[in-house]
Amino acid sequence: MADKYDADKYSELERLARAATKAPWFFNPNAGDDGELYSVTHRNQRNPGLDVAFTHVAHDAKFIAAANPAAVLDLIAELRRLRAALDAKE
């Protein structure tokens, strides 16, 4: 069974993910004029492309794009499902 600290930690992460910008996030290698500034961008029907993060490190931008709110919420849901299954076996 998860201790209270873990439950609180994931609840806060879930709250933050739900409050974050919705829409697919993607790595944008062409964000900077000199090719050294990378962005994480999201798109939706009202906005064809808005930046949510900038970094000079390409692999950091790729990670940020992959760890988008939908991915975080999916991971939390899977963690809770697995913990519930373990608790049911105890």
N, C-alpha and C. Protein backbone atom coordinates (compact mmCIF):
# COMPACT_ATOMS: atom_id res chain seq x y z
N MET A 1 0.84 -1.18 0.00
CA MET A 1 0.00 0.00 0.00
C MET A 1 0.89 1.25 0.00
N ALA A 2 0.50 2.25 -0.75
CA ALA A 2 1.27 3.49 -0.82
C ALA A 2 1.14 4.26 0.48
N ASP A 3 2.23 4.90 0.89
CA ASP A 3 2.12 5.72 2.08
C ASP A 3 1.52 7.08 1.72
N LYS A 4 1.17 7.85 2.74
CA LYS A 4 0.48 9.12 2.52
C LYS A 4 1.34 10.08 1.69
N TYR A 5 2.65 10.08 1.91
CA TYR A 5 3.52 10.98 1.13
C TYR A 5 3.37 10.71 -0.37
N ASP A 6 3.43 9.47 -0.77
CA ASP A 6 3.29 9.14 -2.20
C ASP A 6 1.94 9.56 -2.74
N ALA A 7 0.87 9.30 -2.00
CA ALA A 7 -0.47 9.67 -2.46
C ALA A 7 -0.57 11.17 -2.64
N ASP A 8 -0.04 11.95 -1.69
CA ASP A 8 -0.08 13.40 -1.81
C ASP A 8 0.77 13.88 -2.99
N LYS A 9 1.93 13.27 -3.17
CA LYS A 9 2.83 13.67 -4.25
C LYS A 9 2.16 13.48 -5.61
N TYR A 10 1.52 12.35 -5.82
CA TYR A 10 0.89 12.10 -7.11
C TYR A 10 -0.38 12.93 -7.30
N SER A 11 -1.06 13.25 -6.23
CA SER A 11 -2.24 14.12 -6.34
C SER A 11 -1.84 15.51 -6.82
N GLU A 12 -0.73 16.02 -6.29
CA GLU A 12 -0.26 17.34 -6.72
C GLU A 12 0.20 17.30 -8.18
N LEU A 13 0.91 16.26 -8.55
CA LEU A 13 1.34 16.11 -9.94
C LEU A 13 0.14 16.01 -10.87
N GLU A 14 -0.89 15.29 -10.45
CA GLU A 14 -2.11 15.18 -11.25
C GLU A 14 -2.79 16.54 -11.39
N ARG A 15 -2.86 17.29 -10.30
CA ARG A 15 -3.47 18.63 -10.36
C ARG A 15 -2.72 19.53 -11.34
N LEU A 16 -1.40 19.49 -11.28
CA LEU A 16 -0.59 20.31 -12.18
C LEU A 16 -0.77 19.88 -13.64
N ALA A 17 -0.82 18.59 -13.88
CA ALA A 17 -1.01 18.10 -15.26
C ALA A 17 -2.37 18.52 -15.80
N ARG A 18 -3.39 18.47 -14.97
CA ARG A 18 -4.73 18.88 -15.41
C ARG A 18 -4.81 20.37 -15.69
N ALA A 19 -4.00 21.17 -14.98
CA ALA A 19 -4.01 22.61 -15.17
C ALA A 19 -3.12 23.07 -16.33
N ALA A 20 -2.25 22.19 -16.80
CA ALA A 20 -1.30 22.55 -17.88
C ALA A 20 -2.01 22.68 -19.22
N THR A 21 -1.32 23.26 -20.17
CA THR A 21 -1.84 23.47 -21.51
C THR A 21 -2.26 22.15 -22.15
N LYS A 22 -3.49 22.11 -22.62
CA LYS A 22 -4.01 20.91 -23.28
C LYS A 22 -3.62 20.95 -24.76
N ALA A 23 -3.58 19.84 -25.37
CA ALA A 23 -3.30 19.67 -26.81
C ALA A 23 -2.01 18.89 -26.96
N PRO A 24 -1.78 18.32 -28.09
CA PRO A 24 -0.51 17.59 -28.30
C PRO A 24 0.68 18.53 -28.19
N TRP A 25 1.72 18.07 -27.53
CA TRP A 25 2.98 18.81 -27.45
C TRP A 25 3.97 18.12 -28.37
N PHE A 26 4.81 18.90 -29.02
CA PHE A 26 5.83 18.29 -29.88
C PHE A 26 7.12 19.10 -29.85
N PHE A 27 8.19 18.41 -30.14
CA PHE A 27 9.52 18.99 -30.22
C PHE A 27 9.62 19.81 -31.50
N ASN A 28 10.10 21.04 -31.39
CA ASN A 28 10.23 21.92 -32.54
C ASN A 28 11.69 22.34 -32.67
N PRO A 29 12.46 21.66 -33.55
CA PRO A 29 13.88 21.96 -33.67
C PRO A 29 14.18 23.27 -34.40
N ASN A 30 13.18 23.86 -35.03
CA ASN A 30 13.40 25.07 -35.83
C ASN A 30 12.89 26.33 -35.14
N ALA A 31 12.81 26.32 -33.83
CA ALA A 31 12.24 27.46 -33.12
C ALA A 31 13.16 28.67 -33.12
N GLY A 32 14.45 28.46 -33.10
CA GLY A 32 15.37 29.59 -33.01
C GLY A 32 15.96 29.97 -34.35
N ASP A 33 16.30 31.24 -34.50
CA ASP A 33 16.89 31.71 -35.75
C ASP A 33 18.25 31.07 -36.02
N ASP A 34 19.00 30.80 -34.96
CA ASP A 34 20.35 30.25 -35.14
C ASP A 34 20.38 28.73 -35.04
N GLY A 35 19.22 28.10 -34.85
CA GLY A 35 19.16 26.65 -34.77
C GLY A 35 19.65 26.08 -33.45
N GLU A 36 19.95 26.94 -32.50
CA GLU A 36 20.45 26.45 -31.21
C GLU A 36 19.42 26.56 -30.10
N LEU A 37 18.27 27.13 -30.37
CA LEU A 37 17.23 27.22 -29.37
C LEU A 37 16.09 26.31 -29.81
N TYR A 38 15.74 25.36 -28.94
CA TYR A 38 14.70 24.39 -29.25
C TYR A 38 13.46 24.72 -28.44
N SER A 39 12.30 24.42 -28.98
CA SER A 39 11.09 24.68 -28.24
C SER A 39 10.21 23.44 -28.17
N VAL A 40 9.32 23.47 -27.20
CA VAL A 40 8.23 22.50 -27.11
C VAL A 40 6.98 23.30 -27.42
N THR A 41 6.24 22.85 -28.40
CA THR A 41 5.09 23.59 -28.92
C THR A 41 3.85 22.74 -28.79
N HIS A 42 2.71 23.39 -28.65
CA HIS A 42 1.44 22.67 -28.68
C HIS A 42 0.55 23.30 -29.74
N ARG A 43 -0.36 22.51 -30.24
CA ARG A 43 -1.30 23.00 -31.25
C ARG A 43 -2.71 22.63 -30.83
N ASN A 44 -3.65 23.52 -31.16
CA ASN A 44 -5.07 23.21 -31.05
C ASN A 44 -5.80 24.00 -32.12
N GLN A 45 -7.11 23.93 -32.14
CA GLN A 45 -7.86 24.56 -33.22
C GLN A 45 -7.74 26.08 -33.22
N ARG A 46 -7.63 26.68 -32.05
CA ARG A 46 -7.54 28.14 -31.98
C ARG A 46 -6.12 28.65 -32.20
N ASN A 47 -5.12 27.84 -31.87
CA ASN A 47 -3.73 28.27 -31.95
C ASN A 47 -2.93 27.27 -32.78
N PRO A 48 -2.42 27.69 -33.92
CA PRO A 48 -1.68 26.75 -34.77
C PRO A 48 -0.35 26.30 -34.19
N GLY A 49 0.16 26.99 -33.20
CA GLY A 49 1.42 26.58 -32.58
C GLY A 49 1.89 27.60 -31.56
N LEU A 50 1.80 27.25 -30.30
CA LEU A 50 2.26 28.12 -29.23
C LEU A 50 3.33 27.39 -28.43
N ASP A 51 4.39 28.09 -28.09
CA ASP A 51 5.49 27.48 -27.35
C ASP A 51 5.14 27.37 -25.87
N VAL A 52 5.48 26.23 -25.28
CA VAL A 52 5.28 26.03 -23.85
C VAL A 52 6.60 25.97 -23.10
N ALA A 53 7.72 25.76 -23.81
CA ALA A 53 9.03 25.71 -23.16
C ALA A 53 10.13 25.94 -24.19
N PHE A 54 11.24 26.49 -23.72
CA PHE A 54 12.42 26.68 -24.55
C PHE A 54 13.64 26.12 -23.83
N THR A 55 14.58 25.60 -24.60
CA THR A 55 15.85 25.14 -24.04
C THR A 55 16.90 25.14 -25.14
N HIS A 56 18.14 25.19 -24.75
CA HIS A 56 19.24 25.10 -25.71
C HIS A 56 19.71 23.66 -25.89
N VAL A 57 19.07 22.72 -25.20
CA VAL A 57 19.46 21.32 -25.25
C VAL A 57 18.35 20.52 -25.91
N ALA A 58 18.63 19.95 -27.06
CA ALA A 58 17.61 19.25 -27.84
C ALA A 58 16.99 18.09 -27.08
N HIS A 59 17.81 17.27 -26.41
CA HIS A 59 17.23 16.11 -25.72
C HIS A 59 16.36 16.52 -24.54
N ASP A 60 16.60 17.68 -23.93
CA ASP A 60 15.70 18.18 -22.89
C ASP A 60 14.35 18.56 -23.48
N ALA A 61 14.37 19.24 -24.62
CA ALA A 61 13.11 19.62 -25.28
C ALA A 61 12.32 18.39 -25.70
N LYS A 62 13.00 17.37 -26.19
CA LYS A 62 12.32 16.13 -26.58
C LYS A 62 11.67 15.47 -25.37
N PHE A 63 12.39 15.47 -24.23
CA PHE A 63 11.83 14.89 -23.02
C PHE A 63 10.60 15.67 -22.54
N ILE A 64 10.70 16.99 -22.52
CA ILE A 64 9.57 17.82 -22.08
C ILE A 64 8.35 17.55 -22.97
N ALA A 65 8.56 17.46 -24.26
CA ALA A 65 7.44 17.18 -25.17
C ALA A 65 6.83 15.82 -24.88
N ALA A 66 7.66 14.82 -24.60
CA ALA A 66 7.15 13.47 -24.32
C ALA A 66 6.45 13.40 -22.97
N ALA A 67 6.92 14.17 -22.00
CA ALA A 67 6.33 14.17 -20.66
C ALA A 67 5.23 15.22 -20.57
N ASN A 68 4.36 15.22 -21.54
CA ASN A 68 3.26 16.18 -21.62
C ASN A 68 2.17 15.83 -20.62
N PRO A 69 1.20 16.72 -20.40
CA PRO A 69 0.15 16.46 -19.40
C PRO A 69 -0.61 15.15 -19.63
N ALA A 70 -0.93 14.82 -20.85
CA ALA A 70 -1.67 13.58 -21.12
C ALA A 70 -0.83 12.36 -20.73
N ALA A 71 0.45 12.38 -21.04
CA ALA A 71 1.33 11.26 -20.68
C ALA A 71 1.45 11.12 -19.17
N VAL A 72 1.57 12.23 -18.47
CA VAL A 72 1.67 12.20 -17.01
C VAL A 72 0.38 11.64 -16.40
N LEU A 73 -0.77 12.09 -16.90
CA LEU A 73 -2.05 11.58 -16.38
C LEU A 73 -2.20 10.09 -16.67
N ASP A 74 -1.76 9.63 -17.82
CA ASP A 74 -1.80 8.19 -18.13
C ASP A 74 -0.92 7.40 -17.17
N LEU A 75 0.27 7.90 -16.89
CA LEU A 75 1.17 7.21 -15.96
C LEU A 75 0.59 7.15 -14.55
N ILE A 76 -0.01 8.23 -14.10
CA ILE A 76 -0.61 8.25 -12.76
C ILE A 76 -1.77 7.25 -12.69
N ALA A 77 -2.59 7.23 -13.73
CA ALA A 77 -3.73 6.28 -13.76
C ALA A 77 -3.23 4.84 -13.73
N GLU A 78 -2.18 4.55 -14.49
CA GLU A 78 -1.62 3.19 -14.50
C GLU A 78 -1.02 2.84 -13.14
N LEU A 79 -0.32 3.77 -12.53
CA LEU A 79 0.25 3.55 -11.20
C LEU A 79 -0.86 3.24 -10.20
N ARG A 80 -1.92 4.01 -10.22
CA ARG A 80 -3.03 3.77 -9.29
C ARG A 80 -3.70 2.43 -9.56
N ARG A 81 -3.85 2.06 -10.82
CA ARG A 81 -4.45 0.78 -11.17
C ARG A 81 -3.60 -0.37 -10.64
N LEU A 82 -2.29 -0.29 -10.84
CA LEU A 82 -1.39 -1.34 -10.37
C LEU A 82 -1.35 -1.42 -8.85
N ARG A 83 -1.35 -0.28 -8.19
CA ARG A 83 -1.35 -0.28 -6.72
C ARG A 83 -2.65 -0.87 -6.18
N ALA A 84 -3.77 -0.57 -6.83
CA ALA A 84 -5.06 -1.12 -6.40
C ALA A 84 -5.05 -2.65 -6.58
N ALA A 85 -4.46 -3.12 -7.67
CA ALA A 85 -4.37 -4.56 -7.90
C ALA A 85 -3.51 -5.23 -6.84
N LEU A 86 -2.40 -4.60 -6.47
CA LEU A 86 -1.55 -5.14 -5.41
C LEU A 86 -2.26 -5.13 -4.06
N ASP A 87 -2.96 -4.04 -3.77
CA ASP A 87 -3.70 -3.96 -2.49
C ASP A 87 -4.78 -5.02 -2.42
N ALA A 88 -5.42 -5.31 -3.55
CA ALA A 88 -6.48 -6.33 -3.58
C ALA A 88 -5.94 -7.73 -3.29
N LYS A 89 -4.68 -7.97 -3.60
CA LYS A 89 -4.05 -9.27 -3.35
C LYS A 89 -3.63 -9.45 -1.91
N GLU A 90 -3.50 -8.35 -1.18
CA GLU A 90 -3.04 -8.41 0.22
C GLU A 90 -4.14 -8.83 1.16
